[in-house]
C-alpha atoms as a PDB file:
ATOM      1  CA  MET A   1     108.881  76.010  74.715  1.00  0.00           C
ATOM      2  CA  SER A   2     112.486  75.943  75.573  1.00  0.00           C
ATOM      3  CA  THR A   3     114.611  78.281  77.567  1.00  0.00           C
ATOM      4  CA  SER A   4     116.443  80.487  75.402  1.00  0.00           C
ATOM      5  CA  THR A   5     120.025  81.535  75.446  1.00  0.00           C
ATOM      6  CA  PRO A   6     120.959  85.206  76.086  1.00  0.00           C
ATOM      7  CA  PRO A   7     120.741  87.338  72.925  1.00  0.00           C
ATOM      8  CA  THR A   8     123.866  88.773  71.398  1.00  0.00           C
ATOM      9  CA  ALA A   9     122.196  92.263  71.102  1.00  0.00           C
ATOM     10  CA  SER A  10     123.952  95.402  71.953  1.00  0.00           C
ATOM     11  CA  LEU A  11     123.818  95.809  75.944  1.00  0.00           C
ATOM     12  CA  GLU A  12     124.186  99.712  75.783  1.00  0.00           C
ATOM     13  CA  THR A  13     120.766 100.158  77.404  1.00  0.00           C
ATOM     14  CA  ALA A  14     120.480  96.601  79.048  1.00  0.00           C
ATOM     15  CA  ALA A  15     120.079  96.494  82.840  1.00  0.00           C
ATOM     16  CA  THR A  16     123.500  95.816  84.567  1.00  0.00           C
ATOM     17  CA  GLU A  17     124.220  93.117  86.685  1.00  0.00           C
ATOM     18  CA  GLN A  18     124.426  95.333  89.708  1.00  0.00           C
ATOM     19  CA  GLU A  19     121.039  96.651  89.239  1.00  0.00           C
ATOM     20  CA  VAL A  20     119.313  93.366  88.607  1.00  0.00           C
ATOM     21  CA  ILE A  21     120.825  91.760  91.796  1.00  0.00           C
ATOM     22  CA  ARG A  22     119.811  94.799  93.819  1.00  0.00           C
ATOM     23  CA  CYS A  23     116.300  94.387  92.357  1.00  0.00           C
ATOM     24  CA  ARG A  24     116.224  90.562  93.247  1.00  0.00           C
ATOM     25  CA  GLU A  25     117.376  91.521  96.828  1.00  0.00           C
ATOM     26  CA  GLN A  26     114.626  93.752  97.178  1.00  0.00           C
ATOM     27  CA  TYR A  27     111.993  91.135  95.880  1.00  0.00           C
ATOM     28  CA  ASP A  28     113.254  88.479  98.212  1.00  0.00           C
ATOM     29  CA  GLN A  29     113.160  91.050 101.167  1.00  0.00           C
ATOM     30  CA  LEU A  30     109.678  91.863 100.195  1.00  0.00           C
ATOM     31  CA  ARG A  31     108.762  88.167 100.147  1.00  0.00           C
ATOM     32  CA  GLU A  32     110.299  87.473 103.423  1.00  0.00           C
ATOM     33  CA  HIS A  33     108.217  90.140 105.082  1.00  0.00           C
ATOM     34  CA  LEU A  34     104.851  89.168 103.188  1.00  0.00           C
ATOM     35  CA  GLY A  35     105.816  85.627 104.303  1.00  0.00           C
ATOM     36  CA  ARG A  36     105.347  86.890 108.002  1.00  0.00           C
ATOM     37  CA  VAL A  37     101.479  87.214 107.550  1.00  0.00           C
ATOM     38  CA  ILE A  38     100.814  85.420 104.118  1.00  0.00           C
ATOM     39  CA  VAL A  39     101.351  81.526 103.933  1.00  0.00           C
ATOM     40  CA  GLY A  40     101.485  79.607 100.879  1.00  0.00           C
ATOM     41  CA  MET A  41     100.929  82.227  98.259  1.00  0.00           C
ATOM     42  CA  GLU A  42     104.103  82.377  96.378  1.00  0.00           C
ATOM     43  CA  PRO A  43     102.673  82.303  92.847  1.00  0.00           C
ATOM     44  CA  MET A  44     100.268  84.893  93.542  1.00  0.00           C
ATOM     45  CA  ILE A  45     103.011  87.254  95.193  1.00  0.00           C
ATOM     46  CA  GLU A  46     105.111  86.750  92.333  1.00  0.00           C
ATOM     47  CA  GLN A  47     102.353  87.487  89.771  1.00  0.00           C
ATOM     48  CA  LEU A  48     101.305  90.574  91.529  1.00  0.00           C
ATOM     49  CA  MET A  49     104.737  91.799  91.521  1.00  0.00           C
ATOM     50  CA  ILE A  50     104.941  90.993  87.793  1.00  0.00           C
ATOM     51  CA  GLY A  51     101.956  93.191  87.131  1.00  0.00           C
ATOM     52  CA  MET A  52     103.220  95.985  89.242  1.00  0.00           C
ATOM     53  CA  LEU A  53     106.553  96.054  87.553  1.00  0.00           C
ATOM     54  CA  CYS A  54     104.713  96.275  84.329  1.00  0.00           C
ATOM     55  CA  ARG A  55     102.673  99.034  85.505  1.00  0.00           C
ATOM     56  CA  GLY A  56      99.395  96.946  84.863  1.00  0.00           C
ATOM     57  CA  HIS A  57      96.336  95.998  86.654  1.00  0.00           C
ATOM     58  CA  CYS A  58      95.137  92.695  87.833  1.00  0.00           C
ATOM     59  CA  ILE A  59      92.237  90.689  88.623  1.00  0.00           C
ATOM     60  CA  LEU A  60      92.272  88.095  91.530  1.00  0.00           C
ATOM     61  CA  GLN A  61      89.755  85.263  91.563  1.00  0.00           C
ATOM     62  CA  GLY A  62      89.219  83.043  94.362  1.00  0.00           C
ATOM     63  CA  MET A  63      86.819  81.908  97.040  1.00  0.00           C
ATOM     64  CA  PRO A  64      86.007  84.158 100.109  1.00  0.00           C
ATOM     65  CA  GLY A  65      88.261  84.055 102.860  1.00  0.00           C
ATOM     66  CA  LEU A  66      91.591  83.154 100.954  1.00  0.00           C
ATOM     67  CA  ALA A  67      93.427  86.469 102.202  1.00  0.00           C
ATOM     68  CA  LYS A  68      92.934  88.400  98.819  1.00  0.00           C
ATOM     69  CA  THR A  69      92.695  91.680 100.696  1.00  0.00           C
ATOM     70  CA  LEU A  70      95.240  90.854 103.329  1.00  0.00           C
ATOM     71  CA  LEU A  71      97.645  90.411 100.617  1.00  0.00           C
ATOM     72  CA  ILE A  72      97.161  93.540  98.960  1.00  0.00           C
ATOM     73  CA  SER A  73      96.843  95.731 102.032  1.00  0.00           C
ATOM     74  CA  SER A  74     100.184  94.215 103.166  1.00  0.00           C
ATOM     75  CA  LEU A  75     101.784  94.810  99.826  1.00  0.00           C
ATOM     76  CA  ALA A  76     100.708  98.201  99.973  1.00  0.00           C
ATOM     77  CA  LYS A  77     102.159  98.840 103.319  1.00  0.00           C
ATOM     78  CA  LEU A  78     105.559  97.186 102.681  1.00  0.00           C
ATOM     79  CA  ILE A  79     105.876  99.829  99.423  1.00  0.00           C
ATOM     80  CA  ASP A  80     104.714 102.643 101.519  1.00  0.00           C
ATOM     81  CA  MET A  81     101.864 103.205  98.974  1.00  0.00           C
ATOM     82  CA  SER A  82      98.622 104.715  99.887  1.00  0.00           C
ATOM     83  CA  PHE A  83      95.821 102.112  99.927  1.00  0.00           C
ATOM     84  CA  ALA A  84      91.958 102.203  99.255  1.00  0.00           C
ATOM     85  CA  ARG A  85      89.438  99.395  99.284  1.00  0.00           C
ATOM     86  CA  ILE A  86      86.046 100.008  97.255  1.00  0.00           C
ATOM     87  CA  GLN A  87      83.419  97.581  98.019  1.00  0.00           C
ATOM     88  CA  PHE A  88      81.484  97.208  94.756  1.00  0.00           C
ATOM     89  CA  THR A  89      77.758  97.092  95.385  1.00  0.00           C
ATOM     90  CA  PRO A  90      74.590  97.219  93.139  1.00  0.00           C
ATOM     91  CA  ASP A  91      73.975 100.733  94.076  1.00  0.00           C
ATOM     92  CA  LEU A  92      77.631 102.178  93.749  1.00  0.00           C
ATOM     93  CA  MET A  93      77.712 105.295  91.692  1.00  0.00           C
ATOM     94  CA  PRO A  94      80.594 106.377  89.485  1.00  0.00           C
ATOM     95  CA  ALA A  95      80.921 109.400  91.884  1.00  0.00           C
ATOM     96  CA  ASP A  96      81.603 107.005  94.707  1.00  0.00           C
ATOM     97  CA  ILE A  97      84.669 106.006  92.873  1.00  0.00           C
ATOM     98  CA  THR A  98      85.889 108.973  91.234  1.00  0.00           C
ATOM     99  CA  GLY A  99      84.823 111.608  93.666  1.00  0.00           C
ATOM    100  CA  GLY A 100      82.877 114.849  92.846  1.00  0.00           C
ATOM    101  CA  GLU A 101      82.019 118.391  93.114  1.00  0.00           C
ATOM    102  CA  VAL A 102      80.497 119.984  96.156  1.00  0.00           C
ATOM    103  CA  LEU A 103      78.884 123.264  96.718  1.00  0.00           C
ATOM    104  CA  GLU A 104      80.253 125.338  99.652  1.00  0.00           C
ATOM    105  CA  GLU A 105      80.473 128.827 100.709  1.00  0.00           C
ATOM    106  CA  ASP A 106      83.687 130.682 100.460  1.00  0.00           C
ATOM    107  CA  ARG A 107      84.142 132.349 103.854  1.00  0.00           C
ATOM    108  CA  THR A 108      86.374 135.404 102.389  1.00  0.00           C
ATOM    109  CA  THR A 109      83.806 136.419  99.752  1.00  0.00           C
ATOM    110  CA  GLY A 110      80.433 134.725 100.867  1.00  0.00           C
ATOM    111  CA  LYS A 111      80.127 133.323  97.487  1.00  0.00           C
ATOM    112  CA  ARG A 112      79.252 129.658  96.742  1.00  0.00           C
ATOM    113  CA  VAL A 113      81.747 127.842  94.844  1.00  0.00           C
ATOM    114  CA  PHE A 114      82.278 124.255  93.617  1.00  0.00           C
ATOM    115  CA  ARG A 115      85.093 122.140  95.067  1.00  0.00           C
ATOM    116  CA  PHE A 116      86.309 118.830  93.900  1.00  0.00           C
ATOM    117  CA  VAL A 117      86.403 115.990  96.600  1.00  0.00           C
ATOM    118  CA  GLN A 118      88.642 113.407  95.504  1.00  0.00           C
ATOM    119  CA  GLY A 119      87.226 109.768  95.682  1.00  0.00           C
ATOM    120  CA  PRO A 120      89.098 106.596  96.818  1.00  0.00           C
ATOM    121  CA  ILE A 121      90.555 106.040  93.024  1.00  0.00           C
ATOM    122  CA  PHE A 122      93.113 108.675  94.304  1.00  0.00           C
ATOM    123  CA  HIS A 123      95.368 106.307  95.923  1.00  0.00           C
ATOM    124  CA  HIS A 124      98.404 104.251  94.813  1.00  0.00           C
ATOM    125  CA  LEU A 125      96.789 101.059  95.386  1.00  0.00           C
ATOM    126  CA  VAL A 126      93.094 100.678  94.855  1.00  0.00           C
ATOM    127  CA  LEU A 127      91.406  97.286  95.563  1.00  0.00           C
ATOM    128  CA  ALA A 128      88.048  96.945  93.752  1.00  0.00           C
ATOM    129  CA  ASP A 129      86.567  94.286  95.762  1.00  0.00           C
ATOM    130  CA  GLU A 130      83.996  92.194  93.874  1.00  0.00           C
ATOM    131  CA  ILE A 131      84.079  94.346  90.912  1.00  0.00           C
ATOM    132  CA  ASN A 132      81.425  92.151  89.096  1.00  0.00           C
ATOM    133  CA  ARG A 133      78.941  93.270  91.604  1.00  0.00           C
ATOM    134  CA  THR A 134      78.213  96.930  90.275  1.00  0.00           C
ATOM    135  CA  PRO A 135      76.460  97.941  87.116  1.00  0.00           C
ATOM    136  CA  PRO A 136      78.523  98.709  83.921  1.00  0.00           C
ATOM    137  CA  LYS A 137      78.026 102.326  84.504  1.00  0.00           C
ATOM    138  CA  SER A 138      79.904 102.242  87.708  1.00  0.00           C
ATOM    139  CA  GLN A 139      82.535  99.780  86.302  1.00  0.00           C
ATOM    140  CA  SER A 140      83.332 102.071  83.345  1.00  0.00           C
ATOM    141  CA  ALA A 141      84.249 104.525  85.673  1.00  0.00           C
ATOM    142  CA  LEU A 142      87.685 102.756  86.041  1.00  0.00           C
ATOM    143  CA  LEU A 143      88.314 102.829  82.504  1.00  0.00           C
ATOM    144  CA  GLU A 144      89.967 106.073  81.905  1.00  0.00           C
ATOM    145  CA  ALA A 145      91.830 105.926  85.314  1.00  0.00           C
ATOM    146  CA  MET A 146      93.207 102.475  84.448  1.00  0.00           C
ATOM    147  CA  GLU A 147      94.378 103.374  80.953  1.00  0.00           C
ATOM    148  CA  GLU A 148      95.262 106.938  81.079  1.00  0.00           C
ATOM    149  CA  ARG A 149      95.866 107.194  84.764  1.00  0.00           C
ATOM    150  CA  GLN A 150      94.015 110.312  84.914  1.00  0.00           C
ATOM    151  CA  LEU A 151      90.318 111.546  85.575  1.00  0.00           C
ATOM    152  CA  THR A 152      88.093 113.957  83.947  1.00  0.00           C
ATOM    153  CA  VAL A 153      85.270 115.259  86.019  1.00  0.00           C
ATOM    154  CA  ALA A 154      83.229 118.173  85.008  1.00  0.00           C
ATOM    155  CA  GLY A 155      85.564 118.998  82.346  1.00  0.00           C
ATOM    156  CA  THR A 156      88.561 119.168  84.558  1.00  0.00           C
ATOM    157  CA  THR A 157      91.398 116.547  84.337  1.00  0.00           C
ATOM    158  CA  TYR A 158      92.956 115.369  87.571  1.00  0.00           C
ATOM    159  CA  SER A 159      96.299 113.261  87.648  1.00  0.00           C
ATOM    160  CA  LEU A 160      96.378 110.016  89.653  1.00  0.00           C
ATOM    161  CA  PRO A 161      99.323 109.141  91.795  1.00  0.00           C
ATOM    162  CA  ASP A 162     102.300 107.318  90.403  1.00  0.00           C
ATOM    163  CA  PRO A 163     102.540 104.337  90.808  1.00  0.00           C
ATOM    164  CA  PHE A 164      98.852 103.607  90.298  1.00  0.00           C
ATOM    165  CA  PHE A 165      97.488 100.134  90.442  1.00  0.00           C
ATOM    166  CA  VAL A 166      93.822  98.493  90.187  1.00  0.00           C
ATOM    167  CA  LEU A 167      93.572  95.267  91.786  1.00  0.00           C
ATOM    168  CA  ALA A 168      90.047  93.916  91.420  1.00  0.00           C
ATOM    169  CA  THR A 169      88.724  90.720  93.005  1.00  0.00           C
ATOM    170  CA  GLN A 170      86.059  88.316  91.809  1.00  0.00           C
ATOM    171  CA  ASN A 171      83.924  85.635  93.675  1.00  0.00           C
ATOM    172  CA  PRO A 172      83.671  82.632  91.059  1.00  0.00           C
ATOM    173  CA  ILE A 173      80.730  80.911  92.528  1.00  0.00           C
ATOM    174  CA  GLU A 174      78.089  83.716  92.668  1.00  0.00           C
ATOM    175  CA  VAL A 175      76.269  84.670  89.401  1.00  0.00           C
ATOM    176  CA  GLU A 176      73.039  86.252  90.788  1.00  0.00           C
ATOM    177  CA  GLY A 177      73.130  89.963  91.023  1.00  0.00           C
ATOM    178  CA  THR A 178      76.307  90.277  89.358  1.00  0.00           C
ATOM    179  CA  TYR A 179      77.345  92.250  86.202  1.00  0.00           C
ATOM    180  CA  PRO A 180      80.136  90.328  84.165  1.00  0.00           C
ATOM    181  CA  LEU A 181      82.835  92.739  82.955  1.00  0.00           C
ATOM    182  CA  PRO A 182      82.753  93.407  79.307  1.00  0.00           C
ATOM    183  CA  GLU A 183      85.669  92.025  77.234  1.00  0.00           C
ATOM    184  CA  ALA A 184      86.916  95.555  76.342  1.00  0.00           C
ATOM    185  CA  GLN A 185      87.347  96.260  80.159  1.00  0.00           C
ATOM    186  CA  LEU A 186      88.752  92.688  80.820  1.00  0.00           C
ATOM    187  CA  ASP A 187      91.265  93.229  78.189  1.00  0.00           C
ATOM    188  CA  ARG A 188      92.765  96.174  80.140  1.00  0.00           C
ATOM    189  CA  PHE A 189      93.799  94.047  82.996  1.00  0.00           C
ATOM    190  CA  LEU A 190      97.205  92.801  82.406  1.00  0.00           C
ATOM    191  CA  LEU A 191      96.927  89.487  84.368  1.00  0.00           C
ATOM    192  CA  LYS A 192      94.074  87.414  85.748  1.00  0.00           C
ATOM    193  CA  ILE A 193      95.513  85.622  88.966  1.00  0.00           C
ATOM    194  CA  LEU A 194      93.767  82.484  90.464  1.00  0.00           C
ATOM    195  CA  VAL A 195      93.842  82.237  94.124  1.00  0.00           C
ATOM    196  CA  ASN A 196      93.430  78.586  95.079  1.00  0.00           C
ATOM    197  CA  TYR A 197      92.990  76.831  98.484  1.00  0.00           C
ATOM    198  CA  PRO A 198      95.906  76.635 100.653  1.00  0.00           C
ATOM    199  CA  GLU A 199      97.590  73.238 101.067  1.00  0.00           C
ATOM    200  CA  ARG A 200      96.832  71.309 104.294  1.00  0.00           C
ATOM    201  CA  ASP A 201     100.207  72.119 106.110  1.00  0.00           C
ATOM    202  CA  ASP A 202      99.573  75.882 105.069  1.00  0.00           C
ATOM    203  CA  GLU A 203      96.000  76.057 106.377  1.00  0.00           C
ATOM    204  CA  ILE A 204      97.387  74.515 109.621  1.00  0.00           C
ATOM    205  CA  GLU A 205     100.063  77.272 109.795  1.00  0.00           C
ATOM    206  CA  ILE A 206      97.238  79.971 109.145  1.00  0.00           C
ATOM    207  CA  CYS A 207      95.282  78.689 111.851  1.00  0.00           C
ATOM    208  CA  ARG A 208      98.472  78.779 114.257  1.00  0.00           C
ATOM    209  CA  ARG A 209      99.310  82.456 113.401  1.00  0.00           C
ATOM    210  CA  GLN A 210      95.669  83.684 113.375  1.00  0.00           C
ATOM    211  CA  THR A 211      94.671  82.243 116.754  1.00  0.00           C
ATOM    212  CA  ALA A 212      97.665  82.763 118.753  1.00  0.00           C
ATOM    213  CA  GLY A 213     100.112  85.652 119.591  1.00  0.00           C
ATOM    214  CA  PRO A 214      99.871  89.471 118.541  1.00  0.00           C
ATOM    215  CA  ALA A 215      99.283  90.393 114.898  1.00  0.00           C
ATOM    216  CA  VAL A 216     102.418  91.142 112.858  1.00  0.00           C
ATOM    217  CA  GLU A 217     102.679  94.931 112.018  1.00  0.00           C
ATOM    218  CA  MET A 218     103.616  95.459 108.469  1.00  0.00           C
ATOM    219  CA  LYS A 219     106.097  98.508 108.237  1.00  0.00           C
ATOM    220  CA  PRO A 220     107.498  99.916 104.807  1.00  0.00           C
ATOM    221  CA  ILE A 221     110.664  98.414 103.541  1.00  0.00           C
ATOM    222  CA  MET A 222     110.518  99.943 100.192  1.00  0.00           C
ATOM    223  CA  THR A 223     109.622 103.488  98.724  1.00  0.00           C
ATOM    224  CA  THR A 224     107.513 104.176  95.749  1.00  0.00           C
ATOM    225  CA  GLU A 225     110.471 105.687  94.161  1.00  0.00           C
ATOM    226  CA  SER A 226     112.243 102.258  94.589  1.00  0.00           C
ATOM    227  CA  LEU A 227     109.148 100.781  92.937  1.00  0.00           C
ATOM    228  CA  ARG A 228     109.500 103.282  89.963  1.00  0.00           C
ATOM    229  CA  ASN A 229     113.308 102.433  89.698  1.00  0.00           C
ATOM    230  CA  MET A 230     112.329  98.685  89.471  1.00  0.00           C
ATOM    231  CA  GLN A 231     109.546  99.448  86.848  1.00  0.00           C
ATOM    232  CA  ALA A 232     112.011 101.429  84.441  1.00  0.00           C
ATOM    233  CA  LEU A 233     114.720  98.602  85.047  1.00  0.00           C
ATOM    234  CA  ALA A 234     112.007  95.900  83.856  1.00  0.00           C
ATOM    235  CA  ARG A 235     111.715  97.900  80.529  1.00  0.00           C
ATOM    236  CA  ARG A 236     115.435  97.580  79.933  1.00  0.00           C
ATOM    237  CA  ILE A 237     115.537  93.666  80.124  1.00  0.00           C
ATOM    238  CA  ILE A 238     116.578  92.200  76.806  1.00  0.00           C
ATOM    239  CA  VAL A 239     114.046  90.232  74.716  1.00  0.00           C
ATOM    240  CA  ALA A 240     115.509  88.169  71.592  1.00  0.00           C
ATOM    241  CA  ASP A 241     113.995  88.161  68.455  1.00  0.00           C
ATOM    242  CA  HIS A 242     112.931  84.395  68.705  1.00  0.00           C
ATOM    243  CA  VAL A 243     111.352  85.050  72.084  1.00  0.00           C
ATOM    244  CA  MET A 244     109.306  88.052  70.675  1.00  0.00           C
ATOM    245  CA  GLU A 245     108.250  85.677  67.973  1.00  0.00           C
ATOM    246  CA  ALA A 246     107.213  83.003  70.321  1.00  0.00           C
ATOM    247  CA  ALA A 247     105.108  85.496  72.357  1.00  0.00           C
ATOM    248  CA  VAL A 248     103.346  86.742  69.336  1.00  0.00           C
ATOM    249  CA  ASP A 249     102.760  83.051  67.767  1.00  0.00           C
ATOM    250  CA  LEU A 250     101.394  82.051  70.979  1.00  0.00           C
ATOM    251  CA  ALA A 251      98.810  84.910  71.102  1.00  0.00           C
ATOM    252  CA  ARG A 252      97.895  84.031  67.610  1.00  0.00           C
ATOM    253  CA  MET A 253      97.491  80.407  68.450  1.00  0.00           C
ATOM    254  CA  THR A 254      94.332  81.341  70.348  1.00  0.00           C
ATOM    255  CA  ARG A 255      92.585  83.126  67.337  1.00  0.00           C
ATOM    256  CA  PRO A 256      89.951  81.066  65.464  1.00  0.00           C
ATOM    257  CA  GLY A 257      90.959  81.232  61.803  1.00  0.00           C
ATOM    258  CA  ASP A 258      94.542  81.384  62.342  1.00  0.00           C
ATOM    259  CA  ASN A 259      96.374  78.268  61.135  1.00  0.00           C
ATOM    260  CA  ARG A 260      98.431  78.201  64.310  1.00  0.00           C
ATOM    261  CA  MET A 261      95.434  77.411  66.394  1.00  0.00           C
ATOM    262  CA  PRO A 262      95.818  73.807  67.552  1.00  0.00           C
ATOM    263  CA  LYS A 263      92.910  71.427  66.285  1.00  0.00           C
ATOM    264  CA  SER A 264      92.318  70.187  69.823  1.00  0.00           C
ATOM    265  CA  ILE A 265      91.123  73.635  70.883  1.00  0.00           C
ATOM    266  CA  ALA A 266      89.372  74.770  67.762  1.00  0.00           C
ATOM    267  CA  ASN A 267      85.759  73.714  68.619  1.00  0.00           C
ATOM    268  CA  TYR A 268      86.041  75.498  72.081  1.00  0.00           C
ATOM    269  CA  VAL A 269      87.223  78.948  71.481  1.00  0.00           C
ATOM    270  CA  GLN A 270      85.127  81.745  70.110  1.00  0.00           C
ATOM    271  CA  TYR A 271      87.448  84.626  70.405  1.00  0.00           C
ATOM    272  CA  GLY A 272      91.289  84.609  71.400  1.00  0.00           C
ATOM    273  CA  GLY A 273      93.632  87.335  72.430  1.00  0.00           C
ATOM    274  CA  GLY A 274      94.508  90.296  70.604  1.00  0.00           C
ATOM    275  CA  PRO A 275      97.554  92.454  70.299  1.00  0.00           C
ATOM    276  CA  ARG A 276      97.254  93.459  73.995  1.00  0.00           C
ATOM    277  CA  ALA A 277      97.998  89.836  74.769  1.00  0.00           C
ATOM    278  CA  SER A 278     100.963  89.885  72.730  1.00  0.00           C
ATOM    279  CA  LEU A 279     102.304  92.890  74.417  1.00  0.00           C
ATOM    280  CA  ALA A 280     101.239  91.578  77.855  1.00  0.00           C
ATOM    281  CA  PHE A 281     103.391  88.477  77.297  1.00  0.00           C
ATOM    282  CA  ILE A 282     106.299  90.690  76.502  1.00  0.00           C
ATOM    283  CA  LYS A 283     105.985  92.953  79.485  1.00  0.00           C
ATOM    284  CA  ALA A 284     105.306  90.088  82.010  1.00  0.00           C
ATOM    285  CA  ALA A 285     108.122  88.119  80.713  1.00  0.00           C
ATOM    286  CA  LYS A 286     110.482  91.010  81.259  1.00  0.00           C
ATOM    287  CA  ALA A 287     109.474  91.342  84.552  1.00  0.00           C
ATOM    288  CA  ARG A 288     109.723  87.803  85.579  1.00  0.00           C
ATOM    289  CA  ALA A 289     113.181  87.809  84.238  1.00  0.00           C
ATOM    290  CA  LEU A 290     114.113  90.463  86.413  1.00  0.00           C
ATOM    291  CA  LEU A 291     112.571  88.820  89.471  1.00  0.00           C
ATOM    292  CA  LYS A 292     114.389  85.799  88.797  1.00  0.00           C
ATOM    293  CA  GLY A 293     117.667  87.704  88.520  1.00  0.00           C
ATOM    294  CA  ARG A 294     118.231  87.606  84.772  1.00  0.00           C
ATOM    295  CA  HIS A 295     119.163  90.438  82.280  1.00  0.00           C
ATOM    296  CA  HIS A 296     116.993  88.686  79.535  1.00  0.00           C
ATOM    297  CA  ALA A 297     113.672  87.151  79.061  1.00  0.00           C
ATOM    298  CA  THR A 298     113.422  83.573  77.623  1.00  0.00           C
ATOM    299  CA  THR A 299     110.734  81.509  76.295  1.00  0.00           C
ATOM    300  CA  GLU A 300     110.211  79.887  79.468  1.00  0.00           C
ATOM    301  CA  ASP A 301     109.125  83.359  80.915  1.00  0.00           C
ATOM    302  CA  ILE A 302     106.584  83.499  78.300  1.00  0.00           C
ATOM    303  CA  ALA A 303     105.103  79.955  79.015  1.00  0.00           C
ATOM    304  CA  ALA A 304     105.190  80.728  82.925  1.00  0.00           C
ATOM    305  CA  VAL A 305     102.981  83.997  82.445  1.00  0.00           C
ATOM    306  CA  ALA A 306     100.758  82.514  79.568  1.00  0.00           C
ATOM    307  CA  ARG A 307      97.788  81.404  81.949  1.00  0.00           C
ATOM    308  CA  PRO A 308      97.553  84.773  83.716  1.00  0.00           C
ATOM    309  CA  VAL A 309      97.840  86.759  80.576  1.00  0.00           C
ATOM    310  CA  LEU A 310      95.253  84.658  78.469  1.00  0.00           C
ATOM    311  CA  ARG A 311      92.722  83.284  80.817  1.00  0.00           C
ATOM    312  CA  HIS A 312      90.504  86.501  80.642  1.00  0.00           C
ATOM    313  CA  ARG A 313      91.267  87.238  76.984  1.00  0.00           C
ATOM    314  CA  MET A 314      89.659  83.881  75.572  1.00  0.00           C
ATOM    315  CA  VAL A 315      85.997  83.489  75.182  1.00  0.00           C
ATOM    316  CA  MET A 316      84.812  80.076  75.117  1.00  0.00           C
ATOM    317  CA  THR A 317      82.246  78.484  72.866  1.00  0.00           C
ATOM    318  CA  PHE A 318      78.812  76.724  73.879  1.00  0.00           C
ATOM    319  CA  ASN A 319      80.657  73.480  72.680  1.00  0.00           C
ATOM    320  CA  ALA A 320      82.907  73.912  75.647  1.00  0.00           C
ATOM    321  CA  GLU A 321      80.315  74.407  78.083  1.00  0.00           C
ATOM    322  CA  THR A 322      78.418  71.353  76.909  1.00  0.00           C
ATOM    323  CA  ASP A 323      81.596  69.186  76.856  1.00  0.00           C
ATOM    324  CA  GLY A 324      82.691  70.370  80.261  1.00  0.00           C
ATOM    325  CA  ILE A 325      85.683  72.122  79.146  1.00  0.00           C
ATOM    326  CA  ASP A 326      86.596  75.209  80.831  1.00  0.00           C
ATOM    327  CA  ILE A 327      89.573  77.836  80.194  1.00  0.00           C
ATOM    328  CA  GLU A 328      91.983  76.151  82.090  1.00  0.00           C
ATOM    329  CA  ASP A 329      91.551  72.837  80.081  1.00  0.00           C
ATOM    330  CA  VAL A 330      92.011  74.714  76.989  1.00  0.00           C
ATOM    331  CA  LEU A 331      95.015  76.570  78.392  1.00  0.00           C
ATOM    332  CA  ASP A 332      96.603  73.081  79.163  1.00  0.00           C
ATOM    333  CA  ARG A 333      96.130  71.842  75.570  1.00  0.00           C
ATOM    334  CA  LEU A 334      97.213  75.023  74.256  1.00  0.00           C
ATOM    335  CA  LEU A 335     100.598  75.165  76.062  1.00  0.00           C
ATOM    336  CA  SER A 336     101.131  71.532  75.409  1.00  0.00           C
ATOM    337  CA  GLU A 337     100.800  72.249  71.718  1.00  0.00           C
ATOM    338  CA  ALA A 338     103.089  75.172  72.126  1.00  0.00           C
ATOM    339  CA  ALA A 339     105.638  73.229  73.841  1.00  0.00           C
ATOM    340  CA  ALA A 340     105.915  70.619  71.332  1.00  0.00           C
ATOM    341  CA  PRO A 341     108.285  70.925  68.216  1.00  0.00           C
ATOM    342  CA  SER A 342     106.625  71.682  64.828  1.00  0.00           C
ATOM    343  CA  ARG A 343     106.935  69.993  61.917  1.00  0.00           C
ATOM    344  CA  ASN A 344     109.992  72.044  60.582  1.00  0.00           C
ATOM    345  CA  GLY A 345     111.962  71.515  63.849  1.00  0.00           C
ATOM    346  CA  LYS A 346     111.540  74.876  65.244  1.00  0.00           C
ATOM    347  CA  PRO A 347     110.327  75.441  68.861  1.00  0.00           C
END
């Protein structure tokens, strides 16, 4: 994919240069403060911010001890958001997430009445730690909250805070006692972010910071109102027709039976990304363009967000497992094919 030129569409509702510059400055300030406690996680920070600007939820997958919780809690503090961490376990019940009604006595009348007690889901930023360790019944308690940003308990609907994000973590190495998320629920996450081991120099710096000197205190540098303004601004980023078409075509390249699917991956993909993948491409590309200080999204933005958008929306075949091919290998081939010019000369 090649970088596009700015579209010539009307700029009446487009983000102004001053608004884009201000947003970029806020993002740079946020990265600078996160850098005081988080070392070498720039790609993850950018992808998390993309998810938040899109009002989307994210899955973070990585080995234990890679500062996933620290990153998320620090982000909540810097944006002045309320934060809750839910440790998912096999005995977790839906009411442990949503809250429930308790019976108590009204001191003025002496009668017993039900009162709803809010669960940890009623926070701006909810960390669902090891989400695949709890049965589907408890996992599904998140579905309405994630999609509708509201909860219905005992026939009464309660609104969740705005903004509201679910950031879930998964441990990739343990499979015993786990409950893989169904594809329908995975599809509701905008991005799946891989958290890798740090580089050697970064790991030395981590050890230095964690074993010497006082801990750095995170104080708010943004408000939730500022974040909501950035979210609204991201929607006003321009997407030209050819960028929109590139996003849709890339999503369709993942679907068996579509003539756009490259032959190099046809034997390894059972199911591909649906229309939510196409929408995720556009939303994420807009947010990335804004964070880069641009008024318009490009095909380069589509390519940059392709992995986190697609890696949890594609189901591999048994042939992929027997040939030792994983989702990252398939995405390598897919993006290589997408970047190559087609026979008619179009990108």
